Every structure is written in C-alpha cells, then in structure tokens.
C-alpha atoms as a PDB file:
ATOM      1  CA  UNK A   1      -9.997  15.845  -5.402  1.00  0.00           C
ATOM      2  CA  UNK A   2      -9.385  16.311  -1.689  1.00  0.00           C
ATOM      3  CA  UNK A   3      -6.296  14.111  -1.615  1.00  0.00           C
ATOM      4  CA  UNK A   4      -4.616  16.141  -4.382  1.00  0.00           C
ATOM      5  CA  UNK A   5      -5.490  19.404  -2.661  1.00  0.00           C
ATOM      6  CA  UNK A   6      -4.107  18.256   0.694  1.00  0.00           C
ATOM      7  CA  UNK A   7      -0.974  16.942  -1.034  1.00  0.00           C
ATOM      8  CA  UNK A   8      -0.342  20.291  -2.696  1.00  0.00           C
ATOM      9  CA  UNK A   9      -0.912  22.075   0.620  1.00  0.00           C
ATOM     10  CA  UNK A  10       1.760  19.888   2.233  1.00  0.00           C
ATOM     11  CA  UNK A  11       4.349  20.587  -0.485  1.00  0.00           C
ATOM     12  CA  UNK A  12       7.116  22.964   0.514  1.00  0.00           C
ATOM     13  CA  UNK A  13       9.611  23.835  -2.189  1.00  0.00           C
ATOM     14  CA  UNK A  14      13.057  24.282  -0.690  1.00  0.00           C
ATOM     15  CA  UNK A  15      14.882  27.571  -1.336  1.00  0.00           C
ATOM     16  CA  UNK A  16      17.680  25.740  -3.164  1.00  0.00           C
ATOM     17  CA  UNK A  17      15.055  24.249  -5.479  1.00  0.00           C
ATOM     18  CA  UNK A  18      13.649  27.714  -6.187  1.00  0.00           C
ATOM     19  CA  UNK A  19      17.148  28.983  -6.979  1.00  0.00           C
ATOM     20  CA  UNK A  20      17.724  26.016  -9.302  1.00  0.00           C
ATOM     21  CA  UNK A  21      14.423  26.669 -11.080  1.00  0.00           C
ATOM     22  CA  UNK A  22      15.386  30.326 -11.527  1.00  0.00           C
ATOM     23  CA  UNK A  23      18.832  29.403 -12.863  1.00  0.00           C
ATOM     24  CA  UNK A  24      17.292  26.893 -15.267  1.00  0.00           C
ATOM     25  CA  UNK A  25      15.078  29.623 -16.700  1.00  0.00           C
ATOM     26  CA  UNK A  26      17.983  31.942 -17.450  1.00  0.00           C
ATOM     27  CA  UNK A  27      20.330  29.219 -18.710  1.00  0.00           C
ATOM     28  CA  UNK A  28      17.929  27.455 -21.057  1.00  0.00           C
ATOM     29  CA  UNK A  29      17.558  24.289 -18.975  1.00  0.00           C
ATOM     30  CA  UNK A  30      13.851  24.686 -18.310  1.00  0.00           C
ATOM     31  CA  UNK A  31      12.930  21.326 -19.876  1.00  0.00           C
ATOM     32  CA  UNK A  32      15.482  19.488 -17.750  1.00  0.00           C
ATOM     33  CA  UNK A  33      14.337  20.981 -14.452  1.00  0.00           C
ATOM     34  CA  UNK A  34      10.679  20.450 -15.412  1.00  0.00           C
ATOM     35  CA  UNK A  35      11.288  16.738 -16.001  1.00  0.00           C
ATOM     36  CA  UNK A  36      13.166  16.347 -12.687  1.00  0.00           C
ATOM     37  CA  UNK A  37      10.529  18.297 -10.754  1.00  0.00           C
ATOM     38  CA  UNK A  38       7.689  16.262 -12.300  1.00  0.00           C
ATOM     39  CA  UNK A  39       9.374  12.931 -11.519  1.00  0.00           C
ATOM     40  CA  UNK A  40      10.071  13.957  -7.916  1.00  0.00           C
ATOM     41  CA  UNK A  41       6.540  15.306  -7.373  1.00  0.00           C
ATOM     42  CA  UNK A  42       4.835  12.184  -8.731  1.00  0.00           C
ATOM     43  CA  UNK A  43       7.205  10.024  -6.686  1.00  0.00           C
ATOM     44  CA  UNK A  44       6.259  11.883  -3.497  1.00  0.00           C
ATOM     45  CA  UNK A  45       2.572  11.747  -4.397  1.00  0.00           C
ATOM     46  CA  UNK A  46       2.909   7.955  -4.583  1.00  0.00           C
ATOM     47  CA  UNK A  47       4.149   7.966  -0.987  1.00  0.00           C
ATOM     48  CA  UNK A  48       1.580  10.503   0.164  1.00  0.00           C
ATOM     49  CA  UNK A  49      -1.547   8.880  -1.270  1.00  0.00           C
ATOM     50  CA  UNK A  50      -0.990   5.799   0.888  1.00  0.00           C
ATOM     51  CA  UNK A  51      -0.012   7.846   3.939  1.00  0.00           C
ATOM     52  CA  UNK A  52      -3.342   9.588   3.456  1.00  0.00           C
ATOM     53  CA  UNK A  53      -5.230   6.295   3.117  1.00  0.00           C
ATOM     54  CA  UNK A  54      -3.529   4.870   6.220  1.00  0.00           C
ATOM     55  CA  UNK A  55      -4.204   8.125   8.096  1.00  0.00           C
ATOM     56  CA  UNK A  56      -0.552   8.918   8.804  1.00  0.00           C
ATOM     57  CA  UNK A  57      -0.047  12.455  10.070  1.00  0.00           C
ATOM     58  CA  UNK A  58       2.061  14.234   7.431  1.00  0.00           C
ATOM     59  CA  UNK A  59       3.424  17.577   8.568  1.00  0.00           C
ATOM     60  CA  UNK A  60       5.024  18.645   5.293  1.00  0.00           C
ATOM     61  CA  UNK A  61       6.804  17.382   2.185  1.00  0.00           C
ATOM     62  CA  UNK A  62      10.018  19.219   1.382  1.00  0.00           C
ATOM     63  CA  UNK A  63      10.962  19.224  -2.304  1.00  0.00           C
ATOM     64  CA  UNK A  64      14.714  19.434  -2.925  1.00  0.00           C
ATOM     65  CA  UNK A  65      16.506  19.536  -6.304  1.00  0.00           C
ATOM     66  CA  UNK A  66      17.370  15.847  -5.894  1.00  0.00           C
ATOM     67  CA  UNK A  67      14.230  14.454  -4.228  1.00  0.00           C
ATOM     68  CA  UNK A  68      11.584  14.888  -1.587  1.00  0.00           C
ATOM     69  CA  UNK A  69      11.640  14.393   2.190  1.00  0.00           C
ATOM     70  CA  UNK A  70       8.386  13.785   4.061  1.00  0.00           C
ATOM     71  CA  UNK A  71       8.234  15.099   7.622  1.00  0.00           C
ATOM     72  CA  UNK A  72       5.826  13.175   9.851  1.00  0.00           C
ATOM     73  CA  UNK A  73       4.176  14.252  13.079  1.00  0.00           C
ATOM     74  CA  UNK A  74       3.347  10.747  14.198  1.00  0.00           C
ATOM     75  CA  UNK A  75       4.523   7.854  16.337  1.00  0.00           C
ATOM     76  CA  UNK A  76       7.584   5.787  15.364  1.00  0.00           C
ATOM     77  CA  UNK A  77       6.000   2.366  15.828  1.00  0.00           C
ATOM     78  CA  UNK A  78       3.706   2.434  12.800  1.00  0.00           C
ATOM     79  CA  UNK A  79       2.801  -0.932  11.200  1.00  0.00           C
ATOM     80  CA  UNK A  80       5.759  -2.183   9.147  1.00  0.00           C
ATOM     81  CA  UNK A  81       3.390  -3.474   6.462  1.00  0.00           C
ATOM     82  CA  UNK A  82       1.957   0.011   5.995  1.00  0.00           C
ATOM     83  CA  UNK A  83       5.434   1.526   5.944  1.00  0.00           C
ATOM     84  CA  UNK A  84       6.578  -0.940   3.289  1.00  0.00           C
ATOM     85  CA  UNK A  85       3.611  -0.207   1.016  1.00  0.00           C
ATOM     86  CA  UNK A  86       4.076   3.542   1.465  1.00  0.00           C
ATOM     87  CA  UNK A  87       7.794   3.270   0.676  1.00  0.00           C
ATOM     88  CA  UNK A  88       7.494   1.226  -2.525  1.00  0.00           C
ATOM     89  CA  UNK A  89       4.634   3.324  -3.878  1.00  0.00           C
ATOM     90  CA  UNK A  90       6.987   6.244  -4.549  1.00  0.00           C
ATOM     91  CA  UNK A  91       9.107   4.317  -7.080  1.00  0.00           C
ATOM     92  CA  UNK A  92       5.998   2.578  -8.462  1.00  0.00           C
ATOM     93  CA  UNK A  93       4.197   5.858  -9.177  1.00  0.00           C
ATOM     94  CA  UNK A  94       7.401   7.176 -10.727  1.00  0.00           C
ATOM     95  CA  UNK A  95       7.455   4.190 -13.098  1.00  0.00           C
ATOM     96  CA  UNK A  96       3.760   4.629 -13.911  1.00  0.00           C
ATOM     97  CA  UNK A  97       4.582   8.168 -15.006  1.00  0.00           C
ATOM     98  CA  UNK A  98       7.417   6.870 -17.181  1.00  0.00           C
ATOM     99  CA  UNK A  99       5.069   4.306 -18.802  1.00  0.00           C
ATOM    100  CA  UNK A 100       2.671   7.141 -19.637  1.00  0.00           C
ATOM    101  CA  UNK A 101       5.560   9.134 -21.118  1.00  0.00           C
ATOM    102  CA  UNK A 102       6.607   6.069 -23.142  1.00  0.00           C
ATOM    103  CA  UNK A 103       3.075   5.680 -24.533  1.00  0.00           C
ATOM    104  CA  UNK A 104       3.012   9.372 -25.466  1.00  0.00           C
ATOM    105  CA  UNK A 105       6.402   8.983 -27.143  1.00  0.00           C
ATOM    106  CA  UNK A 106       5.272   5.965 -29.156  1.00  0.00           C
ATOM    107  CA  UNK A 107       2.247   7.922 -30.310  1.00  0.00           C
ATOM    108  CA  UNK A 108       4.465  10.845 -31.408  1.00  0.00           C
ATOM    109  CA  UNK A 109       2.993  13.215 -28.808  1.00  0.00           C
ATOM    110  CA  UNK A 110       6.387  13.996 -27.267  1.00  0.00           C
ATOM    111  CA  UNK A 111       9.677  14.177 -29.165  1.00  0.00           C
ATOM    112  CA  UNK A 112      12.871  12.132 -28.913  1.00  0.00           C
ATOM    113  CA  UNK A 113      14.681  14.724 -26.804  1.00  0.00           C
ATOM    114  CA  UNK A 114      11.980  14.881 -24.097  1.00  0.00           C
ATOM    115  CA  UNK A 115      11.694  11.100 -23.993  1.00  0.00           C
ATOM    116  CA  UNK A 116      15.454  10.729 -23.523  1.00  0.00           C
ATOM    117  CA  UNK A 117      15.338  13.268 -20.708  1.00  0.00           C
ATOM    118  CA  UNK A 118      12.582  11.346 -18.946  1.00  0.00           C
ATOM    119  CA  UNK A 119      14.321   8.004 -19.495  1.00  0.00           C
ATOM    120  CA  UNK A 120      17.720   9.139 -18.224  1.00  0.00           C
ATOM    121  CA  UNK A 121      16.476  11.123 -15.214  1.00  0.00           C
ATOM    122  CA  UNK A 122      13.946   8.460 -14.291  1.00  0.00           C
ATOM    123  CA  UNK A 123      16.627   5.758 -14.270  1.00  0.00           C
ATOM    124  CA  UNK A 124      19.102   7.895 -12.321  1.00  0.00           C
ATOM    125  CA  UNK A 125      16.594   8.952  -9.661  1.00  0.00           C
ATOM    126  CA  UNK A 126      15.223   5.426  -9.297  1.00  0.00           C
ATOM    127  CA  UNK A 127      18.594   3.688  -8.875  1.00  0.00           C
ATOM    128  CA  UNK A 128      20.058   6.347  -6.578  1.00  0.00           C
ATOM    129  CA  UNK A 129      16.931   6.437  -4.420  1.00  0.00           C
ATOM    130  CA  UNK A 130      17.110   2.676  -3.843  1.00  0.00           C
ATOM    131  CA  UNK A 131      20.543   2.894  -2.221  1.00  0.00           C
ATOM    132  CA  UNK A 132      20.392   1.980   1.511  1.00  0.00           C
ATOM    133  CA  UNK A 133      21.453   5.433   2.689  1.00  0.00           C
ATOM    134  CA  UNK A 134      19.535   7.574   5.194  1.00  0.00           C
ATOM    135  CA  UNK A 135      16.941   8.959   4.273  1.00  0.00           C
ATOM    136  CA  UNK A 136      16.465   7.339   0.819  1.00  0.00           C
ATOM    137  CA  UNK A 137      13.770   4.763   0.031  1.00  0.00           C
ATOM    138  CA  UNK A 138      16.401   2.033  -0.151  1.00  0.00           C
ATOM    139  CA  UNK A 139      17.276   2.785   3.477  1.00  0.00           C
ATOM    140  CA  UNK A 140      13.602   2.634   4.467  1.00  0.00           C
ATOM    141  CA  UNK A 141      13.161  -0.774   2.836  1.00  0.00           C
ATOM    142  CA  UNK A 142      16.348  -2.023   4.512  1.00  0.00           C
ATOM    143  CA  UNK A 143      15.095  -0.620   7.828  1.00  0.00           C
ATOM    144  CA  UNK A 144      11.753  -2.405   7.497  1.00  0.00           C
ATOM    145  CA  UNK A 145      13.507  -5.723   6.820  1.00  0.00           C
ATOM    146  CA  UNK A 146      15.824  -5.187   9.814  1.00  0.00           C
ATOM    147  CA  UNK A 147      12.946  -4.395  12.144  1.00  0.00           C
ATOM    148  CA  UNK A 148      11.229  -7.630  11.179  1.00  0.00           C
ATOM    149  CA  UNK A 149      14.157  -9.605  12.582  1.00  0.00           C
ATOM    150  CA  UNK A 150      15.980  -7.403  15.081  1.00  0.00           C
ATOM    151  CA  UNK A 151      15.082  -5.052  17.902  1.00  0.00           C
ATOM    152  CA  UNK A 152      14.646  -1.341  17.268  1.00  0.00           C
ATOM    153  CA  UNK A 153      17.916  -0.228  18.839  1.00  0.00           C
ATOM    154  CA  UNK A 154      20.062  -2.788  16.997  1.00  0.00           C
ATOM    155  CA  UNK A 155      18.286  -2.073  13.692  1.00  0.00           C
ATOM    156  CA  UNK A 156      18.850   1.655  14.098  1.00  0.00           C
ATOM    157  CA  UNK A 157      22.597   1.204  14.631  1.00  0.00           C
ATOM    158  CA  UNK A 158      22.919  -1.252  11.735  1.00  0.00           C
ATOM    159  CA  UNK A 159      21.106   1.194   9.449  1.00  0.00           C
ATOM    160  CA  UNK A 160      23.605   3.937  10.285  1.00  0.00           C
ATOM    161  CA  UNK A 161      26.589   1.644   9.637  1.00  0.00           C
ATOM    162  CA  UNK A 162      25.188   0.441   6.297  1.00  0.00           C
ATOM    163  CA  UNK A 163      24.393   4.045   5.294  1.00  0.00           C
ATOM    164  CA  UNK A 164      27.985   5.123   5.953  1.00  0.00           C
ATOM    165  CA  UNK A 165      29.477   2.138   4.097  1.00  0.00           C
ATOM    166  CA  UNK A 166      27.158   2.556   1.095  1.00  0.00           C
ATOM    167  CA  UNK A 167      27.801   6.288   0.835  1.00  0.00           C
ATOM    168  CA  UNK A 168      31.572   5.749   0.976  1.00  0.00           C
ATOM    169  CA  UNK A 169      31.386   3.045  -1.697  1.00  0.00           C
ATOM    170  CA  UNK A 170      29.216   5.291  -3.861  1.00  0.00           C
ATOM    171  CA  UNK A 171      31.764   8.103  -3.619  1.00  0.00           C
ATOM    172  CA  UNK A 172      34.749   5.804  -4.245  1.00  0.00           C
ATOM    173  CA  UNK A 173      33.338   3.665  -7.064  1.00  0.00           C
ATOM    174  CA  UNK A 174      31.615   6.351  -9.115  1.00  0.00           C
ATOM    175  CA  UNK A 175      33.221   9.456 -10.491  1.00  0.00           C
ATOM    176  CA  UNK A 176      31.339  12.114  -8.586  1.00  0.00           C
ATOM    177  CA  UNK A 177      31.225  15.428 -10.422  1.00  0.00           C
ATOM    178  CA  UNK A 178      30.376  18.772  -8.852  1.00  0.00           C
ATOM    179  CA  UNK A 179      26.642  18.342  -9.529  1.00  0.00           C
ATOM    180  CA  UNK A 180      26.575  15.604  -6.873  1.00  0.00           C
ATOM    181  CA  UNK A 181      28.338  17.571  -4.137  1.00  0.00           C
ATOM    182  CA  UNK A 182      25.152  19.094  -2.720  1.00  0.00           C
ATOM    183  CA  UNK A 183      23.486  15.663  -2.587  1.00  0.00           C
ATOM    184  CA  UNK A 184      26.499  14.052  -0.897  1.00  0.00           C
ATOM    185  CA  UNK A 185      26.720  16.834   1.700  1.00  0.00           C
ATOM    186  CA  UNK A 186      22.976  16.540   2.372  1.00  0.00           C
ATOM    187  CA  UNK A 187      23.252  12.763   2.919  1.00  0.00           C
ATOM    188  CA  UNK A 188      26.261  13.214   5.222  1.00  0.00           C
ATOM    189  CA  UNK A 189      24.306  15.668   7.367  1.00  0.00           C
ATOM    190  CA  UNK A 190      21.335  13.273   7.478  1.00  0.00           C
ATOM    191  CA  UNK A 191      23.590  10.475   8.738  1.00  0.00           C
ATOM    192  CA  UNK A 192      25.243  12.780  11.307  1.00  0.00           C
ATOM    193  CA  UNK A 193      21.786  13.889  12.493  1.00  0.00           C
ATOM    194  CA  UNK A 194      20.747  10.246  12.940  1.00  0.00           C
ATOM    195  CA  UNK A 195      23.891   9.495  14.948  1.00  0.00           C
ATOM    196  CA  UNK A 196      23.566  12.572  17.206  1.00  0.00           C
ATOM    197  CA  UNK A 197      19.891  11.951  17.918  1.00  0.00           C
ATOM    198  CA  UNK A 198      19.806   8.178  18.280  1.00  0.00           C
ATOM    199  CA  UNK A 199      19.443   8.328  22.075  1.00  0.00           C
ATOM    200  CA  UNK A 200      16.615  10.867  21.801  1.00  0.00           C
ATOM    201  CA  UNK A 201      14.853   8.762  19.159  1.00  0.00           C
ATOM    202  CA  UNK A 202      15.198   5.578  21.186  1.00  0.00           C
ATOM    203  CA  UNK A 203      13.857   7.259  24.344  1.00  0.00           C
ATOM    204  CA  UNK A 204      10.975   8.599  22.298  1.00  0.00           C
ATOM    205  CA  UNK A 205      10.301   5.065  21.048  1.00  0.00           C
ATOM    206  CA  UNK A 206      10.155   3.788  24.647  1.00  0.00           C
ATOM    207  CA  UNK A 207       7.969   6.711  25.738  1.00  0.00           C
ATOM    208  CA  UNK A 208       5.516   6.005  22.921  1.00  0.00           C
ATOM    209  CA  UNK A 209       5.341   2.378  24.060  1.00  0.00           C
ATOM    210  CA  UNK A 210       4.410   3.687  27.484  1.00  0.00           C
ATOM    211  CA  UNK A 211       1.866   6.282  26.372  1.00  0.00           C
ATOM    212  CA  UNK A 212       0.077   4.547  23.504  1.00  0.00           C
ATOM    213  CA  UNK A 213      -1.590   1.170  23.443  1.00  0.00           C
ATOM    214  CA  UNK A 214      -1.044  -0.855  20.286  1.00  0.00           C
ATOM    215  CA  UNK A 215      -3.076  -3.646  18.707  1.00  0.00           C
ATOM    216  CA  UNK A 216      -0.122  -5.849  17.782  1.00  0.00           C
ATOM    217  CA  UNK A 217      -0.823  -9.490  18.609  1.00  0.00           C
ATOM    218  CA  UNK A 218       2.729 -10.881  18.577  1.00  0.00           C
ATOM    219  CA  UNK A 219       4.485 -11.120  21.938  1.00  0.00           C
ATOM    220  CA  UNK A 220       8.248 -11.129  22.411  1.00  0.00           C
ATOM    221  CA  UNK A 221      10.087 -12.112  25.590  1.00  0.00           C
ATOM    222  CA  UNK A 222      13.058  -9.847  26.276  1.00  0.00           C
ATOM    223  CA  UNK A 223      15.467  -9.531  29.182  1.00  0.00           C
ATOM    224  CA  UNK A 224      16.290  -5.847  28.782  1.00  0.00           C
ATOM    225  CA  UNK A 225      14.301  -2.704  27.988  1.00  0.00           C
ATOM    226  CA  UNK A 226      16.947  -1.896  25.360  1.00  0.00           C
ATOM    227  CA  UNK A 227      15.710  -4.820  23.259  1.00  0.00           C
ATOM    228  CA  UNK A 228      12.234  -3.518  22.421  1.00  0.00           C
ATOM    229  CA  UNK A 229      10.933  -4.448  18.975  1.00  0.00           C
ATOM    230  CA  UNK A 230       8.639  -2.658  16.583  1.00  0.00           C
ATOM    231  CA  UNK A 231       5.167  -4.081  15.910  1.00  0.00           C
ATOM    232  CA  UNK A 232       5.261  -6.296  19.000  1.00  0.00           C
ATOM    233  CA  UNK A 233       4.117  -6.412  22.585  1.00  0.00           C
ATOM    234  CA  UNK A 234       6.665  -7.546  25.137  1.00  0.00           C
ATOM    235  CA  UNK A 235       7.108  -9.605  28.249  1.00  0.00           C
ATOM    236  CA  UNK A 236      10.096  -8.111  30.063  1.00  0.00           C
ATOM    237  CA  UNK A 237      12.163  -9.831  32.723  1.00  0.00           C
ATOM    238  CA  UNK A 238      11.886  -8.108  36.095  1.00  0.00           C
ATOM    239  CA  UNK A 239      13.148  -9.553  39.409  1.00  0.00           C
ATOM    240  CA  UNK A 240      13.372 -13.023  37.901  1.00  0.00           C
ATOM    241  CA  UNK A 241       9.879 -12.970  36.369  1.00  0.00           C
ATOM    242  CA  UNK A 242       8.443 -11.821  33.059  1.00  0.00           C
ATOM    243  CA  UNK A 243       5.923  -9.019  33.380  1.00  0.00           C
ATOM    244  CA  UNK A 244       3.891  -7.175  30.768  1.00  0.00           C
ATOM    245  CA  UNK A 245       5.368  -4.303  28.824  1.00  0.00           C
ATOM    246  CA  UNK A 246       2.838  -1.815  30.195  1.00  0.00           C
ATOM    247  CA  UNK A 247       3.549  -2.819  33.805  1.00  0.00           C
ATOM    248  CA  UNK A 248       7.311  -2.614  33.307  1.00  0.00           C
ATOM    249  CA  UNK A 249       7.197   0.780  31.592  1.00  0.00           C
ATOM    250  CA  UNK A 250       5.254   2.279  34.486  1.00  0.00           C
ATOM    251  CA  UNK A 251       8.299   1.537  36.648  1.00  0.00           C
ATOM    252  CA  UNK A 252      10.801   2.729  34.011  1.00  0.00           C
ATOM    253  CA  UNK A 253      12.448   6.110  34.569  1.00  0.00           C
ATOM    254  CA  UNK A 254      13.483   8.181  31.547  1.00  0.00           C
END
C-alpha cells in the first residue's frame, strides 16, 4: 500500500538506535529490542496514518531507542481536532498491537516470555509517553487542551512550566537507573530548545497568520497582538477600534 511505503520512506533510524540494535545482537537481547522497536514503529504509524489522511506535510520520523519524533514541514496553526486525533492514534495503535499479541498468546502462538516482554514494555512506553513533558504525547494532549482555552503565547509558556515540573517530579519520585539517563537528557534538551526558541516560534505563528488565510469561523476580540489564539480569526484593537486580523497584520512589523 502507498501509505505504508511512504511511512517507511519517512522513517529515519537514529544512530543511537542502530548502536543499541547492534549491542542487543551481541549481548543476547535481540528479543527485547525487537519488541521495543515494533511497539515504537506501530505507535508512530498510528500517528502517521492520520497525518497522511489529513494531508499534513511530514518531513521525517526519527526513531530513537525510547520512542519516535515526527518532524513536520507545515504551519503551526493546524486544526486542533486533527491534532488531537493524530496524537491519540499513536497510543491506540500501540494497544491494538498488544491486543493482537494477547490473542496470539491465548492461542499458544507466542510463548510466555515473549508475551511478558510485550506486556511490560507496552505498559512502560504507554504510561511514560502520556506524561505532559515536551515532546511526549501527553504534552501534546495537554497543549491541545490549553490552546482551546488560552492564547498561543500563554499556552506555550504554561506547557514549558508543566514540562519542567513533571520531569522533576518524575526524577524525584521514581528511582531512575542508568538506563533512563539518555531519555532524561533528551527531554531536558527538548525543553531547553523550546525555551530558547519560543520567540522565534511565536513570530513564526504571527507570520503564518499574516501569510495564510484560514477557514476558522470563530472570531475572538483581543487587545494585543501577543494574545493571538489558534484555530480562530481575530478582531484586534487598533487606535480605539477593532479591526480585522488581516488588516492589522499588514501594519505589524516583525
């Protein structure tokens, strides 16, 4: 099928993942890495299939030892409904795979050891991935909820704060062994990247509002350009009057 072929073409296996696969081969942990890789791949395919259906422009999908990261070449202000469906489909597809594994186990097609591997890794990946930490699915769901109620700038800052708090709590509450160090460092760098680039991202969001027309029907009155919302058109206060978003942005200097 075309969708499977395009998905496979987008997959980029990170060098650390290749090293881990190699190490698993020489240390006898091939089954473990195979289970993790399969769960991650199916999870990302769940995201991708709906990105494909919604015609989102996917640049590549990086596969790391602990999960996948999809890189988009698209606008920020995509429909929140589409983003929500895309986000939840990763965990859903992952659970569909586990149901299939469970059926195979009950029919004695796979053994106890393989089933336990799938059960344990599936649970660990699912729960961890639902934490509201950048760039996990839990963060994306939290971000979608925020953007339904608050403006883009405020939501972005709240997401960073919640990510930091959640990561700190995760480190403090759970006994983190050395196997988690790479994941923790990766998440820290993702949060730092979001903090360093928040001005660039917000200016890009404004620029997209200026360059691309949207079909959103909901209007929001705002008094400041800093209060732009996702999935809305705006009436912005200018010289005591409210003018259209497009008119205001033509006057706005970046």
